[in-house]
C-alpha atoms as a PDB file:
ATOM      1  CA  MET A   1       0.000   0.000   0.000  1.00  0.00           C
ATOM      2  CA  GLY A   2       1.152   3.520  -0.711  1.00  0.00           C
ATOM      3  CA  ILE A   3       1.406   6.869   0.993  1.00  0.00           C
ATOM      4  CA  TYR A   4      -2.282   7.556   0.375  1.00  0.00           C
ATOM      5  CA  SER A   5      -3.541   4.435   2.162  1.00  0.00           C
ATOM      6  CA  HIS A   6      -1.284   5.126   5.146  1.00  0.00           C
ATOM      7  CA  HIS A   7      -2.215   8.774   5.645  1.00  0.00           C
ATOM      8  CA  ALA A   8      -5.714   9.424   4.248  1.00  0.00           C
ATOM      9  CA  ALA A   9      -7.319   8.693   7.627  1.00  0.00           C
ATOM     10  CA  GLU A  10      -5.144  11.334   9.347  1.00  0.00           C
ATOM     11  CA  PHE A  11      -6.754  14.000   7.162  1.00  0.00           C
ATOM     12  CA  ALA A  12     -10.255  12.498   7.321  1.00  0.00           C
ATOM     13  CA  ASP A  13     -10.116  12.383  11.128  1.00  0.00           C
ATOM     14  CA  ARG A  14      -9.685  16.160  11.057  1.00  0.00           C
ATOM     15  CA  GLY A  15     -12.545  16.691   8.623  1.00  0.00           C
ATOM     16  CA  ILE A  16     -10.280  17.266   5.596  1.00  0.00           C
ATOM     17  CA  PRO A  17     -11.221  15.094   2.586  1.00  0.00           C
ATOM     18  CA  VAL A  18      -8.327  13.906   0.435  1.00  0.00           C
ATOM     19  CA  PHE A  19      -8.086  11.971  -2.814  1.00  0.00           C
ATOM     20  CA  PRO A  20      -5.280   9.933  -4.445  1.00  0.00           C
ATOM     21  CA  VAL A  21      -2.918  11.781  -6.769  1.00  0.00           C
ATOM     22  CA  ASP A  22      -0.328  10.783  -9.353  1.00  0.00           C
ATOM     23  CA  THR A  23       2.508  12.931  -8.002  1.00  0.00           C
ATOM     24  CA  ARG A  24       4.748  12.647 -11.045  1.00  0.00           C
ATOM     25  CA  ALA A  25       2.009  13.819 -13.447  1.00  0.00           C
ATOM     26  CA  LYS A  26       0.512  16.102 -10.769  1.00  0.00           C
ATOM     27  CA  ARG A  27      -3.028  15.005 -11.554  1.00  0.00           C
ATOM     28  CA  PRO A  28      -5.838  13.312  -9.606  1.00  0.00           C
ATOM     29  CA  ALA A  29      -5.976   9.516  -9.805  1.00  0.00           C
ATOM     30  CA  VAL A  30      -9.797   9.490  -9.502  1.00  0.00           C
ATOM     31  CA  LYS A  31     -12.712  11.122 -11.270  1.00  0.00           C
ATOM     32  CA  GLY A  32     -15.004  13.346  -9.261  1.00  0.00           C
ATOM     33  CA  TRP A  33     -12.227  14.536  -6.966  1.00  0.00           C
ATOM     34  CA  GLN A  34     -13.977  17.919  -6.724  1.00  0.00           C
ATOM     35  CA  GLN A  35     -16.716  16.202  -4.676  1.00  0.00           C
ATOM     36  CA  ALA A  36     -14.308  14.410  -2.350  1.00  0.00           C
ATOM     37  CA  ASN A  37     -15.539  13.889   1.216  1.00  0.00           C
ATOM     38  CA  THR A  38     -14.169  12.026   4.216  1.00  0.00           C
ATOM     39  CA  LYS A  39     -16.275   8.933   3.488  1.00  0.00           C
ATOM     40  CA  LYS A  40     -14.903   8.698  -0.050  1.00  0.00           C
ATOM     41  CA  SER A  41     -11.395   9.384   1.273  1.00  0.00           C
ATOM     42  CA  ARG A  42     -11.544   6.311   3.495  1.00  0.00           C
ATOM     43  CA  ALA A  43     -13.037   4.163   0.724  1.00  0.00           C
ATOM     44  CA  TRP A  44     -10.302   5.116  -1.734  1.00  0.00           C
ATOM     45  CA  ALA A  45      -7.687   4.290   0.917  1.00  0.00           C
ATOM     46  CA  ILE A  46      -8.750   0.619   1.149  1.00  0.00           C
ATOM     47  CA  SER A  47      -8.822   0.160  -2.626  1.00  0.00           C
ATOM     48  CA  PRO A  48      -5.699  -1.817  -3.665  1.00  0.00           C
ATOM     49  CA  LYS A  49      -5.197   0.324  -6.762  1.00  0.00           C
ATOM     50  CA  LEU A  50      -6.059   3.766  -5.396  1.00  0.00           C
ATOM     51  CA  GLY A  51      -4.546   3.143  -1.977  1.00  0.00           C
ATOM     52  CA  ALA A  52      -1.199   2.515  -3.659  1.00  0.00           C
ATOM     53  CA  ALA A  53      -1.038   6.143  -4.832  1.00  0.00           C
ATOM     54  CA  GLU A  54       1.925   8.111  -3.513  1.00  0.00           C
ATOM     55  CA  GLY A  55       0.102  11.448  -3.362  1.00  0.00           C
ATOM     56  CA  LEU A  56      -2.646  13.060  -1.302  1.00  0.00           C
ATOM     57  CA  GLY A  57      -4.709  15.765  -2.982  1.00  0.00           C
ATOM     58  CA  ILE A  58      -6.766  18.416  -1.191  1.00  0.00           C
ATOM     59  CA  VAL A  59      -9.455  20.562  -2.787  1.00  0.00           C
ATOM     60  CA  MET A  60      -8.650  24.217  -2.205  1.00  0.00           C
ATOM     61  CA  GLY A  61     -11.147  26.905  -1.286  1.00  0.00           C
ATOM     62  CA  LYS A  62     -14.618  26.605   0.191  1.00  0.00           C
ATOM     63  CA  PRO A  63     -14.795  22.759   0.497  1.00  0.00           C
ATOM     64  CA  THR A  64     -11.854  22.634   2.921  1.00  0.00           C
ATOM     65  CA  GLY A  65     -11.544  26.235   4.090  1.00  0.00           C
ATOM     66  CA  ILE A  66      -7.910  26.375   2.954  1.00  0.00           C
ATOM     67  CA  VAL A  67      -6.258  28.726   0.462  1.00  0.00           C
ATOM     68  CA  GLU A  68      -2.679  28.154  -0.614  1.00  0.00           C
ATOM     69  CA  VAL A  69       0.067  30.551  -1.630  1.00  0.00           C
ATOM     70  CA  ASP A  70       2.180  28.485  -3.988  1.00  0.00           C
ATOM     71  CA  VAL A  71       5.749  29.797  -4.267  1.00  0.00           C
ATOM     72  CA  ASP A  72       6.945  28.309  -7.539  1.00  0.00           C
ATOM     73  CA  ALA A  73      10.660  28.912  -6.971  1.00  0.00           C
ATOM     74  CA  VAL A  74      13.380  27.179  -4.978  1.00  0.00           C
ATOM     75  CA  GLY A  75      15.079  28.937  -2.064  1.00  0.00           C
ATOM     76  CA  ASP A  76      14.479  30.191   1.452  1.00  0.00           C
ATOM     77  CA  SER A  77      14.566  33.785   0.219  1.00  0.00           C
ATOM     78  CA  TRP A  78      11.395  33.296  -1.825  1.00  0.00           C
ATOM     79  CA  LEU A  79       9.655  31.702   1.156  1.00  0.00           C
ATOM     80  CA  ALA A  80      10.746  34.595   3.369  1.00  0.00           C
ATOM     81  CA  MET A  81       9.414  37.158   0.911  1.00  0.00           C
ATOM     82  CA  ALA A  82       6.077  35.343   0.647  1.00  0.00           C
ATOM     83  CA  LEU A  83       5.726  35.345   4.438  1.00  0.00           C
ATOM     84  CA  ASP A  84       6.603  39.027   4.488  1.00  0.00           C
ATOM     85  CA  ARG A  85       3.933  39.804   1.909  1.00  0.00           C
ATOM     86  CA  PHE A  86       1.079  37.500   2.937  1.00  0.00           C
ATOM     87  CA  GLY A  87       1.735  37.325   6.681  1.00  0.00           C
ATOM     88  CA  GLU A  88       2.887  34.683   9.120  1.00  0.00           C
ATOM     89  CA  THR A  89       1.110  31.327   9.073  1.00  0.00           C
ATOM     90  CA  PRO A  90       1.654  28.253  11.253  1.00  0.00           C
ATOM     91  CA  ILE A  91       1.796  25.947   8.208  1.00  0.00           C
ATOM     92  CA  THR A  92       4.582  26.139   5.653  1.00  0.00           C
ATOM     93  CA  ILE A  93       5.392  23.266   3.313  1.00  0.00           C
ATOM     94  CA  LYS A  94       8.372  22.188   1.234  1.00  0.00           C
ATOM     95  CA  THR A  95       7.557  20.342  -1.984  1.00  0.00           C
ATOM     96  CA  ALA A  96       9.457  17.360  -3.341  1.00  0.00           C
ATOM     97  CA  SER A  97      11.235  19.679  -5.789  1.00  0.00           C
ATOM     98  CA  GLY A  98      12.297  22.079  -3.020  1.00  0.00           C
ATOM     99  CA  LYS A  99       9.683  24.796  -3.594  1.00  0.00           C
ATOM    100  CA  SER A 100       7.376  26.225  -0.937  1.00  0.00           C
ATOM    101  CA  LYS A 101       3.688  26.420  -0.051  1.00  0.00           C
ATOM    102  CA  LEU A 102       1.913  28.480   2.612  1.00  0.00           C
ATOM    103  CA  TRP A 103      -1.567  27.654   3.924  1.00  0.00           C
ATOM    104  CA  TYR A 104      -4.092  30.245   5.088  1.00  0.00           C
ATOM    105  CA  ARG A 105      -7.789  30.251   5.981  1.00  0.00           C
ATOM    106  CA  TYR A 106      -9.997  30.610   2.908  1.00  0.00           C
ATOM    107  CA  ASN A 107     -11.655  34.016   2.681  1.00  0.00           C
ATOM    108  CA  GLY A 108     -13.203  34.035  -0.786  1.00  0.00           C
ATOM    109  CA  GLU A 109      -9.951  34.032  -2.775  1.00  0.00           C
ATOM    110  CA  VAL A 110     -10.088  32.712  -6.345  1.00  0.00           C
ATOM    111  CA  ARG A 111      -7.523  30.602  -8.180  1.00  0.00           C
ATOM    112  CA  SER A 112      -4.974  33.016  -9.655  1.00  0.00           C
ATOM    113  CA  VAL A 113      -1.844  31.955 -11.536  1.00  0.00           C
ATOM    114  CA  ARG A 114       1.007  34.492 -11.466  1.00  0.00           C
ATOM    115  CA  PRO A 115      -1.187  37.426 -10.381  1.00  0.00           C
ATOM    116  CA  PHE A 116       1.865  39.534  -9.497  1.00  0.00           C
ATOM    117  CA  GLU A 117       4.149  40.552 -12.328  1.00  0.00           C
ATOM    118  CA  GLY A 118       7.667  39.201 -11.975  1.00  0.00           C
ATOM    119  CA  GLU A 119       6.849  37.041  -8.941  1.00  0.00           C
ATOM    120  CA  PRO A 120       6.628  33.214  -9.135  1.00  0.00           C
ATOM    121  CA  ILE A 121       3.511  33.076  -6.945  1.00  0.00           C
ATOM    122  CA  ASP A 122       0.100  31.441  -7.466  1.00  0.00           C
ATOM    123  CA  ILE A 123      -2.940  31.896  -5.217  1.00  0.00           C
ATOM    124  CA  LEU A 124      -4.913  28.648  -5.008  1.00  0.00           C
ATOM    125  CA  GLY A 125      -8.422  29.520  -3.854  1.00  0.00           C
ATOM    126  CA  GLY A 126      -9.725  26.742  -6.111  1.00  0.00           C
ATOM    127  CA  GLY A 127      -8.510  23.585  -7.799  1.00  0.00           C
ATOM    128  CA  PHE A 128      -6.342  21.261  -5.731  1.00  0.00           C
ATOM    129  CA  THR A 129      -2.928  20.981  -4.134  1.00  0.00           C
ATOM    130  CA  ILE A 130      -0.659  18.086  -3.185  1.00  0.00           C
ATOM    131  CA  ALA A 131      -0.200  17.689   0.568  1.00  0.00           C
ATOM    132  CA  PRO A 132       2.529  16.174   2.765  1.00  0.00           C
ATOM    133  CA  PRO A 133       3.754  13.497   3.061  1.00  0.00           C
ATOM    134  CA  SER A 134       3.159  12.787  -0.644  1.00  0.00           C
ATOM    135  CA  ARG A 135       6.259  11.420  -2.355  1.00  0.00           C
ATOM    136  CA  ARG A 136       7.935  11.768  -5.753  1.00  0.00           C
ATOM    137  CA  PHE A 137       9.869   8.554  -6.240  1.00  0.00           C
ATOM    138  CA  ASP A 138      11.343   9.896  -9.470  1.00  0.00           C
ATOM    139  CA  LEU A 139      12.940  12.673  -7.408  1.00  0.00           C
ATOM    140  CA  GLY A 140      13.602  10.566  -4.326  1.00  0.00           C
ATOM    141  CA  ALA A 141      11.952  13.217  -2.140  1.00  0.00           C
ATOM    142  CA  SER A 142       8.715  13.963  -0.317  1.00  0.00           C
ATOM    143  CA  TYR A 143       6.474  16.894   0.477  1.00  0.00           C
ATOM    144  CA  GLN A 144       6.990  17.851   4.121  1.00  0.00           C
ATOM    145  CA  PHE A 145       5.796  20.325   6.699  1.00  0.00           C
ATOM    146  CA  LEU A 146       8.520  22.896   7.367  1.00  0.00           C
ATOM    147  CA  SER A 147       6.403  24.287  10.197  1.00  0.00           C
ATOM    148  CA  GLY A 148       3.128  23.208  11.732  1.00  0.00           C
ATOM    149  CA  ASN A 149       1.049  20.113  11.005  1.00  0.00           C
ATOM    150  CA  LEU A 150      -2.547  19.078  10.372  1.00  0.00           C
ATOM    151  CA  ASP A 151      -3.631  20.159  13.847  1.00  0.00           C
ATOM    152  CA  ASP A 152      -2.770  23.762  12.948  1.00  0.00           C
ATOM    153  CA  ILE A 153      -5.348  23.931  10.145  1.00  0.00           C
ATOM    154  CA  ALA A 154      -7.970  25.055  12.668  1.00  0.00           C
ATOM    155  CA  ASN A 155      -5.818  28.074  13.564  1.00  0.00           C
ATOM    156  CA  LEU A 156      -4.910  29.369  10.112  1.00  0.00           C
ATOM    157  CA  PRO A 157      -5.027  33.165   9.643  1.00  0.00           C
ATOM    158  CA  THR A 158      -6.535  34.836   6.609  1.00  0.00           C
ATOM    159  CA  ILE A 159      -4.452  36.629   3.994  1.00  0.00           C
ATOM    160  CA  PRO A 160      -4.546  40.423   4.505  1.00  0.00           C
ATOM    161  CA  PRO A 161      -6.646  41.914   1.666  1.00  0.00           C
ATOM    162  CA  LYS A 162      -3.923  44.454   0.812  1.00  0.00           C
ATOM    163  CA  ALA A 163      -1.514  41.601   0.014  1.00  0.00           C
ATOM    164  CA  LEU A 164      -3.729  40.554  -2.903  1.00  0.00           C
ATOM    165  CA  ILE A 165      -4.323  43.872  -4.625  1.00  0.00           C
ATOM    166  CA  GLY A 166      -0.881  45.287  -5.326  1.00  0.00           C
ATOM    167  CA  GLY A 167       2.857  45.139  -4.897  1.00  0.00           C
ATOM    168  CA  SER A 168       4.430  45.664  -1.530  1.00  0.00           C
ATOM    169  CA  ARG A 169       7.290  47.857  -2.767  1.00  0.00           C
ATOM    170  CA  ARG A 170       7.202  51.589  -3.001  1.00  0.00           C
ATOM    171  CA  LEU A 171       7.338  53.141  -6.486  1.00  0.00           C
ATOM    172  CA  ALA A 172      10.581  54.989  -7.119  1.00  0.00           C
ATOM    173  CA  GLU A 173       8.634  57.876  -8.686  1.00  0.00           C
ATOM    174  CA  THR A 174       7.066  58.685  -5.294  1.00  0.00           C
ATOM    175  CA  VAL A 175      10.366  59.017  -3.396  1.00  0.00           C
ATOM    176  CA  LYS A 176      11.126  62.574  -2.319  1.00  0.00           C
ATOM    177  CA  GLN A 177      14.593  64.128  -2.191  1.00  0.00           C
ATOM    178  CA  GLY A 178      15.156  63.675   1.546  1.00  0.00           C
ATOM    179  CA  GLU A 179      14.079  60.026   1.404  1.00  0.00           C
ATOM    180  CA  ARG A 180      16.195  58.779  -1.487  1.00  0.00           C
ATOM    181  CA  ASN A 181      19.083  57.090   0.339  1.00  0.00           C
ATOM    182  CA  ASP A 182      16.942  55.380   2.956  1.00  0.00           C
ATOM    183  CA  SER A 183      14.345  54.245   0.412  1.00  0.00           C
ATOM    184  CA  LEU A 184      17.003  52.903  -1.931  1.00  0.00           C
ATOM    185  CA  TRP A 185      18.779  51.045   0.873  1.00  0.00           C
ATOM    186  CA  ARG A 186      15.532  49.401   1.987  1.00  0.00           C
ATOM    187  CA  TRP A 187      14.724  48.484  -1.600  1.00  0.00           C
ATOM    188  CA  CYS A 188      18.199  46.939  -1.957  1.00  0.00           C
ATOM    189  CA  MET A 189      17.703  44.913   1.230  1.00  0.00           C
ATOM    190  CA  ALA A 190      14.590  43.313  -0.262  1.00  0.00           C
ATOM    191  CA  GLU A 191      16.106  42.892  -3.725  1.00  0.00           C
ATOM    192  CA  ALA A 192      19.326  41.336  -2.360  1.00  0.00           C
ATOM    193  CA  ARG A 193      17.451  38.107  -1.615  1.00  0.00           C
ATOM    194  CA  LEU A 194      16.857  37.704  -5.348  1.00  0.00           C
ATOM    195  CA  CYS A 195      20.370  38.517  -6.609  1.00  0.00           C
ATOM    196  CA  ASP A 196      23.198  36.060  -7.251  1.00  0.00           C
ATOM    197  CA  ASP A 197      25.981  38.531  -6.492  1.00  0.00           C
ATOM    198  CA  VAL A 198      26.681  42.113  -5.500  1.00  0.00           C
ATOM    199  CA  ASP A 199      27.175  43.272  -9.103  1.00  0.00           C
ATOM    200  CA  ALA A 200      23.646  42.159  -9.969  1.00  0.00           C
ATOM    201  CA  LEU A 201      22.336  44.107  -6.983  1.00  0.00           C
ATOM    202  CA  VAL A 202      24.213  47.272  -7.978  1.00  0.00           C
ATOM    203  CA  ASP A 203      22.775  47.048 -11.507  1.00  0.00           C
ATOM    204  CA  ALA A 204      19.243  46.499 -10.204  1.00  0.00           C
ATOM    205  CA  ALA A 205      19.599  49.411  -7.764  1.00  0.00           C
ATOM    206  CA  ALA A 206      20.736  51.738 -10.547  1.00  0.00           C
ATOM    207  CA  THR A 207      17.725  50.780 -12.635  1.00  0.00           C
ATOM    208  CA  TRP A 208      15.248  51.348  -9.792  1.00  0.00           C
ATOM    209  CA  ALA A 209      16.836  54.619  -8.647  1.00  0.00           C
ATOM    210  CA  GLY A 210      16.792  55.854 -12.240  1.00  0.00           C
ATOM    211  CA  SER A 211      13.126  56.711 -11.755  1.00  0.00           C
ATOM    212  CA  PHE A 212      13.792  59.108  -8.859  1.00  0.00           C
ATOM    213  CA  LEU A 213      12.528  62.615  -9.544  1.00  0.00           C
ATOM    214  CA  GLU A 214      15.845  63.879  -8.128  1.00  0.00           C
ATOM    215  CA  GLN A 215      18.718  61.652  -9.254  1.00  0.00           C
ATOM    216  CA  LEU A 216      21.326  60.103  -6.954  1.00  0.00           C
ATOM    217  CA  SER A 217      24.967  59.822  -7.985  1.00  0.00           C
ATOM    218  CA  ALA A 218      26.347  56.469  -9.126  1.00  0.00           C
ATOM    219  CA  LYS A 219      28.576  56.469  -6.039  1.00  0.00           C
ATOM    220  CA  GLU A 220      25.607  56.827  -3.657  1.00  0.00           C
ATOM    221  CA  ILE A 221      23.692  54.084  -5.458  1.00  0.00           C
ATOM    222  CA  GLU A 222      26.662  51.742  -5.206  1.00  0.00           C
ATOM    223  CA  ARG A 223      27.135  52.570  -1.523  1.00  0.00           C
ATOM    224  CA  CYS A 224      23.509  51.625  -0.720  1.00  0.00           C
ATOM    225  CA  ALA A 225      23.796  48.385  -2.684  1.00  0.00           C
ATOM    226  CA  LEU A 226      27.093  47.379  -1.071  1.00  0.00           C
ATOM    227  CA  SER A 227      25.688  48.060   2.400  1.00  0.00           C
ATOM    228  CA  ALA A 228      22.612  45.933   1.742  1.00  0.00           C
ATOM    229  CA  TRP A 229      24.730  43.131   0.275  1.00  0.00           C
ATOM    230  CA  SER A 230      26.924  43.026   3.386  1.00  0.00           C
ATOM    231  CA  TYR A 231      23.815  42.290   5.449  1.00  0.00           C
ATOM    232  CA  GLU A 232      22.551  39.670   2.991  1.00  0.00           C
ATOM    233  CA  SER A 233      25.877  37.868   2.557  1.00  0.00           C
ATOM    234  CA  THR A 234      26.425  37.549   6.329  1.00  0.00           C
ATOM    235  CA  GLY A 235      22.901  36.311   7.091  1.00  0.00           C
ATOM    236  CA  ARG A 236      21.750  39.494   8.839  1.00  0.00           C
ATOM    237  CA  ASN A 237      19.141  40.667   6.329  1.00  0.00           C
ATOM    238  CA  TYR A 238      16.003  40.630   8.459  1.00  0.00           C
ATOM    239  CA  LEU A 239      14.400  43.745   7.008  1.00  0.00           C
ATOM    240  CA  GLY A 240      10.684  43.373   6.434  1.00  0.00           C
ATOM    241  CA  HIS A 241      10.377  40.255   8.556  1.00  0.00           C
ATOM    242  CA  LYS A 242       8.426  40.023  11.779  1.00  0.00           C
ATOM    243  CA  ARG A 243      11.180  37.804  13.115  1.00  0.00           C
ATOM    244  CA  PRO A 244      14.661  36.763  11.975  1.00  0.00           C
ATOM    245  CA  GLN A 245      14.749  34.259   9.137  1.00  0.00           C
ATOM    246  CA  ILE A 246      14.952  30.790  10.605  1.00  0.00           C
ATOM    247  CA  ASN A 247      14.285  27.442   9.004  1.00  0.00           C
ATOM    248  CA  THR A 248      14.037  23.864  10.219  1.00  0.00           C
ATOM    249  CA  GLY A 249      17.771  23.311   9.847  1.00  0.00           C
ATOM    250  CA  ASP A 250      18.478  26.320  12.065  1.00  0.00           C
ATOM    251  CA  VAL A 251      16.251  24.941  14.829  1.00  0.00           C
ATOM    252  CA  VAL A 252      17.919  21.535  14.724  1.00  0.00           C
ATOM    253  CA  MET A 253      21.383  23.083  14.772  1.00  0.00           C
ATOM    254  CA  ASP A 254      20.545  25.414  17.662  1.00  0.00           C
ATOM    255  CA  ASP A 255      19.291  22.578  19.853  1.00  0.00           C
ATOM    256  CA  LEU A 256      21.938  19.981  18.988  1.00  0.00           C
ATOM    257  CA  ILE A 257      25.110  21.914  18.225  1.00  0.00           C
ATOM    258  CA  ASP A 258      26.578  20.871  21.579  1.00  0.00           C
ATOM    259  CA  GLN A 259      25.939  17.198  20.690  1.00  0.00           C
ATOM    260  CA  PRO A 260      27.390  16.705  17.181  1.00  0.00           C
ATOM    261  CA  GLU A 261      26.838  12.921  17.132  1.00  0.00           C
ATOM    262  CA  ALA A 262      23.170  13.375  18.057  1.00  0.00           C
ATOM    263  CA  TYR A 263      22.861  16.046  15.373  1.00  0.00           C
ATOM    264  CA  ALA A 264      24.353  13.747  12.711  1.00  0.00           C
ATOM    265  CA  LEU A 265      22.199  10.789  13.804  1.00  0.00           C
ATOM    266  CA  TYR A 266      19.046  12.899  13.673  1.00  0.00           C
ATOM    267  CA  MET A 267      19.816  14.104  10.148  1.00  0.00           C
ATOM    268  CA  LEU A 268      20.388  10.494   9.085  1.00  0.00           C
ATOM    269  CA  LEU A 269      17.105   9.348  10.653  1.00  0.00           C
ATOM    270  CA  ARG A 270      15.162  12.226   9.122  1.00  0.00           C
ATOM    271  CA  ARG A 271      16.651  11.519   5.699  1.00  0.00           C
ATOM    272  CA  TRP A 272      15.654   7.852   5.618  1.00  0.00           C
ATOM    273  CA  HIS A 273      12.597   7.635   7.878  1.00  0.00           C
ATOM    274  CA  SER A 274      10.710  10.924   7.478  1.00  0.00           C
ATOM    275  CA  ASN A 275       7.763   9.134   5.819  1.00  0.00           C
ATOM    276  CA  ARG A 276       7.646   6.109   8.087  1.00  0.00           C
ATOM    277  CA  PRO A 277       5.422   5.795  11.159  1.00  0.00           C
ATOM    278  CA  SER A 278       8.227   4.035  13.052  1.00  0.00           C
ATOM    279  CA  PHE A 279      11.734   2.653  12.684  1.00  0.00           C
ATOM    280  CA  ALA A 280      14.297   0.645  14.659  1.00  0.00           C
ATOM    281  CA  ILE A 281      17.558   1.896  16.092  1.00  0.00           C
ATOM    282  CA  ALA A 282      19.956  -1.025  16.615  1.00  0.00           C
ATOM    283  CA  PRO A 283      23.332   0.398  17.723  1.00  0.00           C
ATOM    284  CA  ARG A 284      25.249  -2.879  17.286  1.00  0.00           C
ATOM    285  CA  ALA A 285      23.952  -3.591  13.772  1.00  0.00           C
ATOM    286  CA  MET A 286      24.317   0.029  12.706  1.00  0.00           C
ATOM    287  CA  SER A 287      27.907   0.108  13.941  1.00  0.00           C
ATOM    288  CA  GLU A 288      28.761  -3.154  12.179  1.00  0.00           C
ATOM    289  CA  HIS A 289      27.381  -1.781   8.901  1.00  0.00           C
ATOM    290  CA  LYS A 290      29.135   1.563   9.485  1.00  0.00           C
ATOM    291  CA  ASN A 291      25.883   3.500   9.250  1.00  0.00           C
ATOM    292  CA  PRO A 292      26.974   5.693  10.933  1.00  0.00           C
ATOM    293  CA  PRO A 293      30.634   4.592  11.262  1.00  0.00           C
ATOM    294  CA  TRP A 294      30.801   4.885  15.071  1.00  0.00           C
ATOM    295  CA  PRO A 295      31.138   2.470  17.981  1.00  0.00           C
ATOM    296  CA  ARG A 296      27.767   1.171  19.164  1.00  0.00           C
ATOM    297  CA  GLY A 297      28.119   3.037  22.454  1.00  0.00           C
ATOM    298  CA  LYS A 298      28.360   6.370  20.670  1.00  0.00           C
ATOM    299  CA  ILE A 299      25.263   5.547  18.600  1.00  0.00           C
ATOM    300  CA  ALA A 300      23.321   4.589  21.718  1.00  0.00           C
ATOM    301  CA  LEU A 301      24.374   7.806  23.481  1.00  0.00           C
ATOM    302  CA  ALA A 302      23.321   9.912  20.481  1.00  0.00           C
ATOM    303  CA  ARG A 303      19.966   8.103  20.439  1.00  0.00           C
ATOM    304  CA  ASP A 304      19.433   8.868  24.128  1.00  0.00           C
ATOM    305  CA  VAL A 305      20.166  12.562  23.573  1.00  0.00           C
ATOM    306  CA  LEU A 306      17.559  12.700  20.801  1.00  0.00           C
ATOM    307  CA  ILE A 307      14.976  11.109  23.092  1.00  0.00           C
ATOM    308  CA  GLU A 308      15.823  13.403  26.000  1.00  0.00           C
ATOM    309  CA  ARG A 309      15.611  16.547  23.876  1.00  0.00           C
ATOM    310  CA  GLY A 310      12.390  15.574  22.152  1.00  0.00           C
ATOM    311  CA  PHE A 311      13.577  14.926  18.601  1.00  0.00           C
ATOM    312  CA  ILE A 312      12.462  11.288  18.579  1.00  0.00           C
ATOM    313  CA  GLU A 313       9.938   9.311  20.654  1.00  0.00           C
ATOM    314  CA  GLN A 314      10.474   5.788  21.927  1.00  0.00           C
ATOM    315  CA  LEU A 315       7.621   3.411  21.043  1.00  0.00           C
ATOM    316  CA  ARG A 316       9.253   0.217  22.338  1.00  0.00           C
ATOM    317  CA  GLU A 317      12.231  -0.163  24.641  1.00  0.00           C
ATOM    318  CA  PRO A 318      15.203  -2.268  23.542  1.00  0.00           C
ATOM    319  CA  ASP A 319      15.126  -5.799  24.988  1.00  0.00           C
ATOM    320  CA  LYS A 320      18.624  -7.270  25.294  1.00  0.00           C
ATOM    321  CA  ARG A 321      17.280 -10.568  26.614  1.00  0.00           C
ATOM    322  CA  LEU A 322      15.161 -11.127  23.501  1.00  0.00           C
ATOM    323  CA  ARG A 323      17.700  -9.367  21.264  1.00  0.00           C
ATOM    324  CA  LYS A 324      15.111  -6.857  20.092  1.00  0.00           C
ATOM    325  CA  SER A 325      16.066  -3.333  19.141  1.00  0.00           C
ATOM    326  CA  GLY A 326      14.097  -0.322  20.250  1.00  0.00           C
ATOM    327  CA  VAL A 327      11.405   1.161  18.020  1.00  0.00           C
ATOM    328  CA  TYR A 328      11.064   4.932  17.586  1.00  0.00           C
ATOM    329  CA  LYS A 329       9.408   7.649  15.562  1.00  0.00           C
ATOM    330  CA  LEU A 330      10.344  11.213  14.650  1.00  0.00           C
ATOM    331  CA  SER A 331       8.600  13.751  16.846  1.00  0.00           C
ATOM    332  CA  ALA A 332       5.739  15.566  15.128  1.00  0.00           C
ATOM    333  CA  ARG A 333       7.013  18.923  16.393  1.00  0.00           C
ATOM    334  CA  LEU A 334      10.575  20.097  16.849  1.00  0.00           C
ATOM    335  CA  PRO A 335      11.529  21.348  20.304  1.00  0.00           C
ATOM    336  CA  GLY A 336      11.113  25.087  20.785  1.00  0.00           C
ATOM    337  CA  SER A 337      14.228  27.070  19.982  1.00  0.00           C
ATOM    338  CA  ARG A 338      15.312  30.679  20.358  1.00  0.00           C
ATOM    339  CA  HIS A 339      17.103  31.763  17.197  1.00  0.00           C
ATOM    340  CA  ASN A 340      20.887  31.452  17.600  1.00  0.00           C
ATOM    341  CA  HIS A 341      20.666  30.768  21.341  1.00  0.00           C
ATOM    342  CA  ASN A 342      23.295  28.048  20.976  1.00  0.00           C
ATOM    343  CA  THR A 343      24.721  29.113  17.612  1.00  0.00           C
ATOM    344  CA  PRO A 344      26.118  32.642  17.928  1.00  0.00           C
ATOM    345  CA  SER A 345      27.553  34.439  14.938  1.00  0.00           C
ATOM    346  CA  PRO A 346      31.306  33.893  14.327  1.00  0.00           C
ATOM    347  CA  PRO A 347      33.625  36.461  15.980  1.00  0.00           C
ATOM    348  CA  TYR A 348      34.733  37.853  12.631  1.00  0.00           C
ATOM    349  CA  LEU A 349      31.172  39.077  11.974  1.00  0.00           C
ATOM    350  CA  GLU A 350      31.060  41.215  15.096  1.00  0.00           C
ATOM    351  CA  GLY A 351      31.073  44.897  14.368  1.00  0.00           C
ATOM    352  CA  LEU A 352      30.233  44.557  10.657  1.00  0.00           C
END
């Protein structure tokens, strides 16, 4: 049985109907998916053919009360900009191809593809989306929750109306003489997340500032761009965000940086077992197969740290007498972390 048969009930139990999806073709595997309900969801899950599907589809809009902001570009910077524009939400998703999705509470939005010029963003107030933990075996990757889970659907915020009716950046033509440097610097801070290098940012800044009613010198434009790039390149570009940029990897690092073996073991477990309800940890066998290449005692100690700090949960204790390994699962939520509380910036960044 596939991903659909294993997880359809989790959605149905929360009142969210799902239907099987062909993830590679990105199309429903059943007819009448628009009329999906929880009863049909459960019936499809016990069908040998449909239950084997590796994708879970959700109807967007009024039927489920969910609207999705689909960020059709790879990179944390695009996700950060979407959150800045549409507002914080407890549920963010990473697709199998590394792109991002944000879920909000449906408030009458329609399905809009690329409604904002130059931005790889779709608003899905209709149609369907593919939900975690759907898997693309051709890519060897799965859809996963970056933050939140199904329980957070009941607490989704709505998208602010102003986010849907226009761009969030100020027009250069409206900048007055005494505001030019500050406005250009702020524009560069936002644009830096989209640039590959500082030269690209300088060029973009010159183009934008070219619309000022009162022109700035090339030297002033370059100074603003270089300043913004220094923030971006050292990870300190938080402008326009309600909180510093932080992703799942940051949280894991912050809470396990003082236990490098536990950190490495967790990354290994998450890589190979993120879509499994449970898995075994057998220190002796893992050590013998050099996965990871440590003594069994070190593996066992790393396992215990992960349990103690809440990264994994123990479902069955190891039984040495019966020679049975322990059984575990990845925790549904990562432990709470204060950004950089264990991972301070390097000394050479101080004072920049």
